[in-house]
N, C-alpha and C. Protein backbone atom coordinates (compact mmCIF):
# COMPACT_ATOMS: atom_id res chain seq x y z
N UNK A 1 104.29 -17.14 -16.30
CA UNK A 1 103.76 -16.75 -15.03
C UNK A 1 102.24 -16.98 -14.97
N UNK A 2 101.55 -16.67 -16.11
CA UNK A 2 100.10 -16.85 -16.14
C UNK A 2 99.74 -18.33 -16.04
N UNK A 3 100.58 -19.19 -16.63
CA UNK A 3 100.31 -20.62 -16.57
C UNK A 3 100.44 -21.13 -15.14
N UNK A 4 101.35 -20.60 -14.37
CA UNK A 4 101.53 -21.02 -12.98
C UNK A 4 100.30 -20.63 -12.16
N UNK A 5 99.79 -19.41 -12.37
CA UNK A 5 98.59 -18.98 -11.65
C UNK A 5 97.38 -19.83 -12.06
N UNK A 6 97.26 -20.17 -13.32
CA UNK A 6 96.16 -20.98 -13.81
C UNK A 6 96.20 -22.39 -13.21
N UNK A 7 97.39 -22.98 -13.15
CA UNK A 7 97.54 -24.31 -12.56
C UNK A 7 97.22 -24.24 -11.07
N UNK A 8 97.69 -23.20 -10.38
CA UNK A 8 97.42 -23.03 -8.94
C UNK A 8 95.92 -22.87 -8.68
N UNK A 9 95.22 -22.09 -9.50
CA UNK A 9 93.77 -21.91 -9.36
C UNK A 9 93.04 -23.22 -9.62
N UNK A 10 93.49 -24.00 -10.58
CA UNK A 10 92.88 -25.29 -10.89
C UNK A 10 93.04 -26.26 -9.73
N UNK A 11 94.24 -26.27 -9.14
CA UNK A 11 94.48 -27.16 -7.98
C UNK A 11 93.61 -26.74 -6.80
N UNK A 12 93.48 -25.43 -6.55
CA UNK A 12 92.65 -24.93 -5.46
C UNK A 12 91.18 -25.30 -5.69
N UNK A 13 90.69 -25.15 -6.92
CA UNK A 13 89.30 -25.49 -7.24
C UNK A 13 89.06 -26.98 -7.04
N UNK A 14 90.00 -27.80 -7.46
CA UNK A 14 89.90 -29.25 -7.30
C UNK A 14 89.87 -29.62 -5.81
N UNK A 15 90.69 -28.95 -5.01
CA UNK A 15 90.72 -29.22 -3.56
C UNK A 15 89.39 -28.86 -2.92
N UNK A 16 88.77 -27.75 -3.34
CA UNK A 16 87.47 -27.34 -2.80
C UNK A 16 86.41 -28.36 -3.18
N UNK A 17 86.41 -28.83 -4.42
CA UNK A 17 85.43 -29.82 -4.87
C UNK A 17 85.58 -31.12 -4.09
N UNK A 18 86.80 -31.57 -3.89
CA UNK A 18 87.05 -32.81 -3.13
C UNK A 18 86.58 -32.64 -1.69
N UNK A 19 86.81 -31.47 -1.08
CA UNK A 19 86.39 -31.20 0.30
C UNK A 19 84.86 -31.25 0.40
N UNK A 20 84.17 -30.64 -0.55
CA UNK A 20 82.71 -30.62 -0.51
C UNK A 20 82.15 -32.02 -0.66
N UNK A 21 82.65 -32.79 -1.61
CA UNK A 21 82.16 -34.16 -1.82
C UNK A 21 82.41 -35.01 -0.58
N UNK A 22 83.58 -34.89 0.01
CA UNK A 22 83.90 -35.67 1.21
C UNK A 22 83.00 -35.30 2.38
N UNK A 23 82.76 -34.01 2.59
CA UNK A 23 81.93 -33.59 3.72
C UNK A 23 80.48 -34.00 3.53
N UNK A 24 79.97 -33.99 2.30
CA UNK A 24 78.60 -34.44 2.04
C UNK A 24 78.48 -35.93 2.32
N UNK A 25 79.45 -36.74 1.92
CA UNK A 25 79.42 -38.18 2.20
C UNK A 25 79.45 -38.44 3.70
N UNK A 26 80.28 -37.73 4.43
CA UNK A 26 80.36 -37.92 5.88
C UNK A 26 79.03 -37.55 6.51
N UNK A 27 78.43 -36.43 6.10
CA UNK A 27 77.16 -35.98 6.67
C UNK A 27 76.04 -36.99 6.40
N UNK A 28 75.95 -37.51 5.18
CA UNK A 28 74.90 -38.46 4.88
C UNK A 28 75.13 -39.79 5.58
N UNK A 29 76.37 -40.17 5.84
CA UNK A 29 76.63 -41.42 6.56
C UNK A 29 76.28 -41.30 8.03
N UNK A 30 76.36 -40.10 8.59
CA UNK A 30 76.01 -39.93 10.00
C UNK A 30 74.51 -39.98 10.23
N UNK A 31 73.71 -39.61 9.24
CA UNK A 31 72.26 -39.59 9.37
C UNK A 31 71.61 -40.47 8.31
N UNK A 32 71.80 -41.78 8.37
CA UNK A 32 71.21 -42.62 7.32
C UNK A 32 69.70 -42.66 7.43
N UNK A 33 69.04 -42.39 6.32
CA UNK A 33 67.58 -42.50 6.19
C UNK A 33 66.82 -41.74 7.26
N UNK A 34 67.31 -40.56 7.67
CA UNK A 34 66.63 -39.82 8.73
C UNK A 34 65.26 -39.34 8.29
N UNK A 35 65.03 -39.14 7.02
CA UNK A 35 63.73 -38.68 6.56
C UNK A 35 62.75 -39.83 6.37
N UNK A 36 63.18 -41.07 6.45
CA UNK A 36 62.30 -42.21 6.26
C UNK A 36 61.72 -42.75 7.56
N UNK A 37 62.02 -42.11 8.69
CA UNK A 37 61.51 -42.58 9.97
C UNK A 37 60.05 -42.14 10.10
N UNK A 38 59.16 -43.09 10.33
CA UNK A 38 57.74 -42.80 10.47
C UNK A 38 57.42 -42.63 11.95
N UNK A 39 56.82 -41.50 12.29
CA UNK A 39 56.46 -41.22 13.67
C UNK A 39 55.20 -41.99 14.04
N UNK A 40 55.17 -42.46 15.26
CA UNK A 40 53.99 -43.15 15.78
C UNK A 40 53.01 -42.10 16.31
N UNK A 41 51.71 -42.36 16.25
CA UNK A 41 50.74 -41.38 16.75
C UNK A 41 50.78 -41.29 18.28
N UNK A 42 50.33 -40.18 18.80
CA UNK A 42 50.21 -40.03 20.25
C UNK A 42 49.24 -41.07 20.78
N UNK A 43 49.45 -41.46 22.04
CA UNK A 43 48.56 -42.42 22.69
C UNK A 43 47.76 -41.68 23.75
N UNK A 44 46.49 -42.01 23.87
CA UNK A 44 45.61 -41.34 24.81
C UNK A 44 44.95 -42.38 25.71
N UNK A 45 44.90 -42.09 27.00
CA UNK A 45 44.24 -42.97 27.96
C UNK A 45 43.50 -42.09 28.98
N UNK A 46 42.57 -42.69 29.67
CA UNK A 46 41.87 -41.98 30.74
C UNK A 46 42.58 -42.30 32.04
N UNK A 47 43.01 -41.28 32.72
CA UNK A 47 43.66 -41.47 34.02
C UNK A 47 42.60 -41.60 35.12
N UNK A 48 41.55 -40.77 35.02
CA UNK A 48 40.54 -40.78 36.07
C UNK A 48 39.29 -40.06 35.59
N UNK A 49 38.13 -40.50 36.09
CA UNK A 49 36.88 -39.76 35.96
C UNK A 49 36.28 -39.71 37.35
N UNK A 50 36.07 -38.50 37.83
CA UNK A 50 35.54 -38.32 39.18
C UNK A 50 34.31 -37.41 39.11
N UNK A 51 33.46 -37.50 40.13
CA UNK A 51 32.28 -36.64 40.18
C UNK A 51 32.16 -36.03 41.57
N UNK A 52 31.49 -34.91 41.61
CA UNK A 52 31.10 -34.32 42.89
C UNK A 52 29.69 -33.78 42.73
N UNK A 53 28.85 -34.08 43.71
CA UNK A 53 27.45 -33.70 43.63
C UNK A 53 27.31 -32.23 44.02
N UNK A 54 26.72 -31.44 43.12
CA UNK A 54 26.52 -30.02 43.37
C UNK A 54 25.14 -29.75 43.97
N UNK A 55 24.15 -30.53 43.56
CA UNK A 55 22.79 -30.42 44.08
C UNK A 55 22.10 -31.75 43.85
N UNK A 56 20.78 -31.81 44.12
CA UNK A 56 20.03 -33.04 43.89
C UNK A 56 19.84 -33.33 42.40
N UNK A 57 20.16 -32.37 41.53
CA UNK A 57 19.95 -32.56 40.10
C UNK A 57 21.18 -32.26 39.25
N UNK A 58 22.33 -31.99 39.86
CA UNK A 58 23.51 -31.70 39.03
C UNK A 58 24.79 -32.25 39.66
N UNK A 59 25.64 -32.76 38.78
CA UNK A 59 26.94 -33.30 39.16
C UNK A 59 28.02 -32.58 38.36
N UNK A 60 29.15 -32.36 39.01
CA UNK A 60 30.34 -31.91 38.29
C UNK A 60 31.14 -33.16 37.96
N UNK A 61 31.44 -33.35 36.68
CA UNK A 61 32.21 -34.51 36.22
C UNK A 61 33.59 -34.01 35.81
N UNK A 62 34.66 -34.57 36.40
CA UNK A 62 36.02 -34.21 36.01
C UNK A 62 36.66 -35.42 35.33
N UNK A 63 37.11 -35.19 34.09
CA UNK A 63 37.80 -36.24 33.35
C UNK A 63 39.27 -35.85 33.22
N UNK A 64 40.17 -36.82 33.45
CA UNK A 64 41.62 -36.61 33.32
C UNK A 64 42.15 -37.55 32.25
N UNK A 65 42.76 -36.95 31.21
CA UNK A 65 43.37 -37.72 30.13
C UNK A 65 44.88 -37.75 30.32
N UNK A 66 45.50 -38.87 29.93
CA UNK A 66 46.96 -38.99 29.91
C UNK A 66 47.37 -39.16 28.45
N UNK A 67 48.03 -38.13 27.90
CA UNK A 67 48.51 -38.18 26.51
C UNK A 67 50.00 -38.49 26.53
N UNK A 68 50.43 -39.51 25.77
CA UNK A 68 51.82 -39.96 25.77
C UNK A 68 52.38 -39.88 24.35
N UNK A 69 53.61 -39.38 24.26
CA UNK A 69 54.33 -39.29 22.98
C UNK A 69 55.36 -40.42 22.92
N UNK A 70 55.16 -41.47 22.11
CA UNK A 70 56.10 -42.59 22.06
C UNK A 70 57.32 -42.33 21.16
N UNK A 71 57.41 -41.15 20.55
CA UNK A 71 58.48 -40.84 19.61
C UNK A 71 59.65 -40.15 20.30
N UNK A 72 60.76 -40.00 19.58
CA UNK A 72 61.93 -39.29 20.11
C UNK A 72 61.76 -37.78 19.99
N UNK A 73 61.04 -37.31 18.97
CA UNK A 73 60.85 -35.89 18.75
C UNK A 73 59.65 -35.36 19.50
N UNK A 74 59.53 -34.05 19.57
CA UNK A 74 58.42 -33.40 20.26
C UNK A 74 57.16 -33.44 19.40
N UNK A 75 56.02 -33.59 20.05
CA UNK A 75 54.71 -33.53 19.40
C UNK A 75 53.90 -32.43 20.09
N UNK A 76 52.96 -31.86 19.36
CA UNK A 76 52.11 -30.81 19.92
C UNK A 76 50.67 -31.32 19.91
N UNK A 77 50.11 -31.46 21.10
CA UNK A 77 48.71 -31.84 21.23
C UNK A 77 47.89 -30.56 21.13
N UNK A 78 47.07 -30.47 20.09
CA UNK A 78 46.29 -29.26 19.86
C UNK A 78 44.95 -29.31 20.59
N UNK A 79 44.20 -30.40 20.42
CA UNK A 79 42.86 -30.44 21.00
C UNK A 79 42.40 -31.88 21.21
N UNK A 80 41.57 -32.03 22.23
CA UNK A 80 40.84 -33.28 22.47
C UNK A 80 39.37 -32.89 22.55
N UNK A 81 38.57 -33.40 21.62
CA UNK A 81 37.13 -33.19 21.63
C UNK A 81 36.50 -34.52 22.01
N UNK A 82 35.64 -34.53 23.02
CA UNK A 82 35.16 -35.80 23.54
C UNK A 82 33.71 -35.73 23.98
N UNK A 83 33.08 -36.91 24.07
CA UNK A 83 31.74 -37.12 24.61
C UNK A 83 31.83 -38.22 25.64
N UNK A 84 31.16 -38.03 26.77
CA UNK A 84 31.13 -39.04 27.83
C UNK A 84 29.74 -39.65 27.87
N UNK A 85 29.70 -41.00 27.87
CA UNK A 85 28.43 -41.72 27.94
C UNK A 85 28.48 -42.73 29.08
N UNK A 86 27.33 -42.92 29.71
CA UNK A 86 27.15 -43.93 30.75
C UNK A 86 25.81 -44.59 30.48
N UNK A 87 25.78 -45.92 30.49
CA UNK A 87 24.54 -46.68 30.27
C UNK A 87 23.85 -46.27 28.97
N UNK A 88 24.60 -45.94 27.95
CA UNK A 88 24.02 -45.54 26.68
C UNK A 88 23.48 -44.12 26.65
N UNK A 89 23.62 -43.38 27.74
CA UNK A 89 23.15 -42.00 27.79
C UNK A 89 24.35 -41.04 27.68
N UNK A 90 24.20 -40.05 26.85
CA UNK A 90 25.21 -39.00 26.72
C UNK A 90 25.11 -38.10 27.96
N UNK A 91 26.17 -38.01 28.75
CA UNK A 91 26.08 -37.18 29.95
C UNK A 91 26.82 -35.85 29.83
N UNK A 92 27.84 -35.76 28.97
CA UNK A 92 28.52 -34.48 28.78
C UNK A 92 29.45 -34.52 27.58
N UNK A 93 29.81 -33.33 27.12
CA UNK A 93 30.76 -33.16 26.01
C UNK A 93 31.75 -32.10 26.43
N UNK A 94 32.95 -32.16 25.85
CA UNK A 94 33.94 -31.14 26.18
C UNK A 94 35.04 -31.06 25.16
N UNK A 95 35.82 -30.00 25.27
CA UNK A 95 36.98 -29.79 24.42
C UNK A 95 38.11 -29.27 25.29
N UNK A 96 39.27 -29.86 25.13
CA UNK A 96 40.49 -29.39 25.79
C UNK A 96 41.42 -28.90 24.69
N UNK A 97 41.91 -27.67 24.80
CA UNK A 97 42.85 -27.13 23.83
C UNK A 97 42.16 -26.44 22.67
N UNK A 98 42.99 -26.04 21.70
CA UNK A 98 42.52 -25.33 20.50
C UNK A 98 43.28 -25.84 19.30
N UNK A 99 42.57 -26.03 18.20
CA UNK A 99 43.24 -26.40 16.95
C UNK A 99 43.95 -25.18 16.41
N UNK A 100 45.19 -25.36 15.97
CA UNK A 100 45.96 -24.27 15.40
C UNK A 100 45.47 -23.96 14.00
N UNK A 101 45.28 -22.70 13.72
CA UNK A 101 44.85 -22.25 12.39
C UNK A 101 45.85 -21.22 11.90
N UNK A 102 46.88 -21.65 11.18
CA UNK A 102 47.85 -20.73 10.60
C UNK A 102 48.95 -20.35 11.57
N UNK A 103 49.81 -19.43 11.14
CA UNK A 103 50.96 -19.04 11.92
C UNK A 103 50.63 -18.07 13.05
N UNK A 104 49.55 -17.33 12.94
CA UNK A 104 49.25 -16.28 13.89
C UNK A 104 48.32 -16.72 15.01
N UNK A 105 48.01 -17.99 15.08
CA UNK A 105 47.12 -18.50 16.12
C UNK A 105 47.80 -18.45 17.47
N UNK A 106 46.98 -18.24 18.51
CA UNK A 106 47.50 -18.22 19.87
C UNK A 106 47.93 -19.62 20.27
N UNK A 107 49.01 -19.70 21.02
CA UNK A 107 49.49 -21.01 21.46
C UNK A 107 49.11 -21.30 22.91
N UNK A 108 48.14 -20.55 23.45
CA UNK A 108 47.75 -20.73 24.84
C UNK A 108 47.06 -22.06 25.09
N UNK A 109 46.36 -22.61 24.09
CA UNK A 109 45.61 -23.84 24.29
C UNK A 109 46.24 -25.05 23.66
N UNK A 110 47.56 -25.07 23.49
CA UNK A 110 48.22 -26.25 22.93
C UNK A 110 49.19 -26.81 23.96
N UNK A 111 49.52 -28.08 23.81
CA UNK A 111 50.32 -28.77 24.80
C UNK A 111 51.47 -29.52 24.14
N UNK A 112 52.71 -28.98 24.23
CA UNK A 112 53.85 -29.72 23.67
C UNK A 112 54.18 -30.92 24.57
N UNK A 113 54.49 -32.05 23.93
CA UNK A 113 54.86 -33.26 24.66
C UNK A 113 56.21 -33.70 24.12
N UNK A 114 57.24 -33.66 24.95
CA UNK A 114 58.58 -34.04 24.52
C UNK A 114 58.61 -35.54 24.24
N UNK A 115 59.64 -35.97 23.50
CA UNK A 115 59.78 -37.37 23.16
C UNK A 115 59.82 -38.27 24.37
N UNK A 116 59.11 -39.38 24.31
CA UNK A 116 58.99 -40.34 25.41
C UNK A 116 58.40 -39.72 26.67
N UNK A 117 57.63 -38.65 26.53
CA UNK A 117 57.02 -37.97 27.66
C UNK A 117 55.50 -38.07 27.62
N UNK A 118 54.87 -37.54 28.66
CA UNK A 118 53.41 -37.53 28.70
C UNK A 118 52.94 -36.28 29.42
N UNK A 119 51.66 -35.99 29.28
CA UNK A 119 51.04 -34.84 29.94
C UNK A 119 49.64 -35.26 30.39
N UNK A 120 49.22 -34.77 31.56
CA UNK A 120 47.89 -35.03 32.09
C UNK A 120 47.04 -33.78 31.83
N UNK A 121 45.88 -33.97 31.20
CA UNK A 121 44.97 -32.88 30.89
C UNK A 121 43.63 -33.14 31.55
N UNK A 122 43.10 -32.12 32.25
CA UNK A 122 41.84 -32.28 32.97
C UNK A 122 40.80 -31.31 32.45
N UNK A 123 39.54 -31.72 32.54
CA UNK A 123 38.44 -30.88 32.13
C UNK A 123 37.24 -31.18 33.03
N UNK A 124 36.44 -30.16 33.30
CA UNK A 124 35.25 -30.30 34.13
C UNK A 124 34.00 -30.04 33.30
N UNK A 125 32.99 -30.87 33.49
CA UNK A 125 31.71 -30.73 32.80
C UNK A 125 30.58 -30.90 33.80
N UNK A 126 29.39 -30.50 33.38
CA UNK A 126 28.22 -30.57 34.24
C UNK A 126 27.26 -31.62 33.69
N UNK A 127 26.68 -32.44 34.59
CA UNK A 127 25.66 -33.42 34.21
C UNK A 127 24.40 -33.10 34.99
N UNK A 128 23.30 -32.89 34.24
CA UNK A 128 22.01 -32.58 34.84
C UNK A 128 21.13 -33.83 34.85
N UNK A 129 20.55 -34.14 35.99
CA UNK A 129 19.65 -35.29 36.12
C UNK A 129 18.30 -34.94 35.50
N UNK A 130 17.76 -35.91 34.75
CA UNK A 130 16.41 -35.75 34.18
C UNK A 130 15.64 -37.04 34.44
N UNK A 131 14.37 -37.07 34.04
CA UNK A 131 13.55 -38.27 34.25
C UNK A 131 14.12 -39.47 33.51
N UNK A 132 14.74 -39.25 32.35
CA UNK A 132 15.26 -40.37 31.56
C UNK A 132 16.65 -40.83 32.01
N UNK A 133 17.29 -40.09 32.91
CA UNK A 133 18.65 -40.44 33.33
C UNK A 133 18.74 -40.76 34.82
N UNK A 134 17.64 -41.13 35.45
CA UNK A 134 17.66 -41.42 36.89
C UNK A 134 18.57 -42.62 37.19
N UNK A 135 18.47 -43.71 36.40
CA UNK A 135 19.32 -44.88 36.64
C UNK A 135 20.80 -44.55 36.40
N UNK A 136 21.07 -43.76 35.37
CA UNK A 136 22.44 -43.34 35.09
C UNK A 136 22.97 -42.52 36.25
N UNK A 137 22.17 -41.58 36.74
CA UNK A 137 22.54 -40.75 37.89
C UNK A 137 22.87 -41.64 39.09
N UNK A 138 22.00 -42.61 39.38
CA UNK A 138 22.22 -43.49 40.53
C UNK A 138 23.50 -44.31 40.37
N UNK A 139 23.81 -44.79 39.16
CA UNK A 139 25.04 -45.54 38.93
C UNK A 139 26.28 -44.66 39.13
N UNK A 140 26.22 -43.43 38.68
CA UNK A 140 27.37 -42.52 38.85
C UNK A 140 27.57 -42.22 40.33
N UNK A 141 26.51 -41.80 41.01
CA UNK A 141 26.61 -41.44 42.43
C UNK A 141 27.00 -42.66 43.27
N UNK A 142 26.50 -43.84 42.90
CA UNK A 142 26.81 -45.06 43.64
C UNK A 142 28.16 -45.67 43.30
N UNK A 143 28.91 -45.08 42.35
CA UNK A 143 30.23 -45.59 41.99
C UNK A 143 30.20 -46.83 41.11
N UNK A 144 29.06 -47.11 40.45
CA UNK A 144 28.93 -48.30 39.61
C UNK A 144 28.97 -47.98 38.11
N UNK A 145 29.22 -46.75 37.77
CA UNK A 145 29.15 -46.33 36.36
C UNK A 145 30.36 -46.85 35.57
N UNK A 146 30.08 -47.30 34.34
CA UNK A 146 31.14 -47.63 33.39
C UNK A 146 31.07 -46.56 32.31
N UNK A 147 32.10 -45.74 32.26
CA UNK A 147 32.13 -44.61 31.34
C UNK A 147 32.71 -45.03 30.00
N UNK A 148 32.11 -44.56 28.93
CA UNK A 148 32.65 -44.71 27.59
C UNK A 148 32.90 -43.29 27.08
N UNK A 149 34.13 -43.03 26.68
CA UNK A 149 34.52 -41.71 26.20
C UNK A 149 34.95 -41.88 24.74
N UNK A 150 34.26 -41.16 23.84
CA UNK A 150 34.59 -41.20 22.42
C UNK A 150 34.89 -39.78 21.96
N UNK A 151 35.79 -39.68 20.98
CA UNK A 151 36.11 -38.36 20.49
C UNK A 151 37.23 -38.37 19.48
N UNK A 152 37.85 -37.19 19.30
CA UNK A 152 38.93 -37.00 18.35
C UNK A 152 40.05 -36.22 19.02
N UNK A 153 41.27 -36.67 18.78
CA UNK A 153 42.47 -35.99 19.27
C UNK A 153 43.19 -35.41 18.06
N UNK A 154 43.53 -34.12 18.13
CA UNK A 154 44.26 -33.44 17.04
C UNK A 154 45.66 -33.10 17.53
N UNK A 155 46.67 -33.49 16.74
CA UNK A 155 48.05 -33.23 17.15
C UNK A 155 48.94 -33.05 15.94
N UNK A 156 50.12 -32.49 16.20
CA UNK A 156 51.15 -32.29 15.17
C UNK A 156 52.43 -32.96 15.65
N UNK A 157 53.07 -33.66 14.73
CA UNK A 157 54.36 -34.27 15.04
C UNK A 157 55.44 -33.48 14.34
N UNK A 158 56.52 -33.22 15.05
CA UNK A 158 57.62 -32.44 14.51
C UNK A 158 58.81 -33.36 14.32
N UNK A 159 59.33 -33.42 13.07
CA UNK A 159 60.53 -34.21 12.80
C UNK A 159 61.25 -33.61 11.61
N UNK A 160 62.55 -33.46 11.72
CA UNK A 160 63.39 -32.91 10.65
C UNK A 160 62.85 -31.58 10.13
N UNK A 161 62.43 -30.71 11.06
CA UNK A 161 61.91 -29.38 10.74
C UNK A 161 60.64 -29.42 9.90
N UNK A 162 59.95 -30.55 9.88
CA UNK A 162 58.68 -30.67 9.19
C UNK A 162 57.62 -31.04 10.20
N UNK A 163 56.39 -30.57 9.98
CA UNK A 163 55.29 -30.95 10.85
C UNK A 163 54.21 -31.61 10.03
N UNK A 164 53.53 -32.55 10.65
CA UNK A 164 52.38 -33.18 10.02
C UNK A 164 51.23 -33.16 11.00
N UNK A 165 50.09 -32.70 10.55
CA UNK A 165 48.91 -32.59 11.39
C UNK A 165 48.08 -33.86 11.25
N UNK A 166 47.58 -34.35 12.38
CA UNK A 166 46.82 -35.60 12.38
C UNK A 166 45.61 -35.47 13.30
N UNK A 167 44.50 -36.03 12.87
CA UNK A 167 43.31 -36.20 13.71
C UNK A 167 43.15 -37.70 13.93
N UNK A 168 43.00 -38.10 15.17
CA UNK A 168 42.86 -39.52 15.48
C UNK A 168 41.62 -39.72 16.36
N UNK A 169 40.72 -40.57 15.91
CA UNK A 169 39.52 -40.90 16.69
C UNK A 169 39.89 -41.87 17.79
N UNK A 170 39.16 -41.79 18.90
CA UNK A 170 39.41 -42.72 20.01
C UNK A 170 38.10 -43.15 20.65
N UNK A 171 38.15 -44.29 21.31
CA UNK A 171 37.05 -44.82 22.13
C UNK A 171 37.71 -45.46 23.35
N UNK A 172 37.44 -44.89 24.51
CA UNK A 172 38.07 -45.35 25.75
C UNK A 172 37.00 -45.70 26.76
N UNK A 173 37.31 -46.65 27.63
CA UNK A 173 36.38 -47.00 28.71
C UNK A 173 37.06 -46.78 30.05
N UNK A 174 36.24 -46.45 31.03
CA UNK A 174 36.76 -46.26 32.39
C UNK A 174 35.69 -46.74 33.35
N UNK A 175 35.94 -47.46 34.37
CA UNK A 175 37.20 -48.13 34.68
C UNK A 175 37.42 -49.34 33.82
């Protein structure tokens, strides 16, 4: 009787082992090389730069960025730090968003971008006219300004329950 129970337990154990091996092979065949997929970085472009004159010596400058996620998974845009220049003169600096610092950081200043999606981010800055920026002021007000925007974009890409943080420098011109 004990031999029959021992043989039955051996057959059951063998069946469990065969089931586990078969299910692992099926699972790995359904997701070939899923961890070897390299995510592409977010793409950043300027959608618009507009101004409105507040006084004879100050302009409000509004810059609109278009951030695009070319990947299938979601990415989190943490921050865009930028400087705007016209005619070689620095006219304003700004930051959109907040860099995440640890698990307890507030998520109010971050922007999730779903796969193959994009988000428009706007920021307003002030430009003060001085004696050295009269020509720059006239080009901006006259609509002849060529803007150069340089800075750093910080983002995280999420794939297979892993995140990777990246800082990417950019240099954009408008128009």
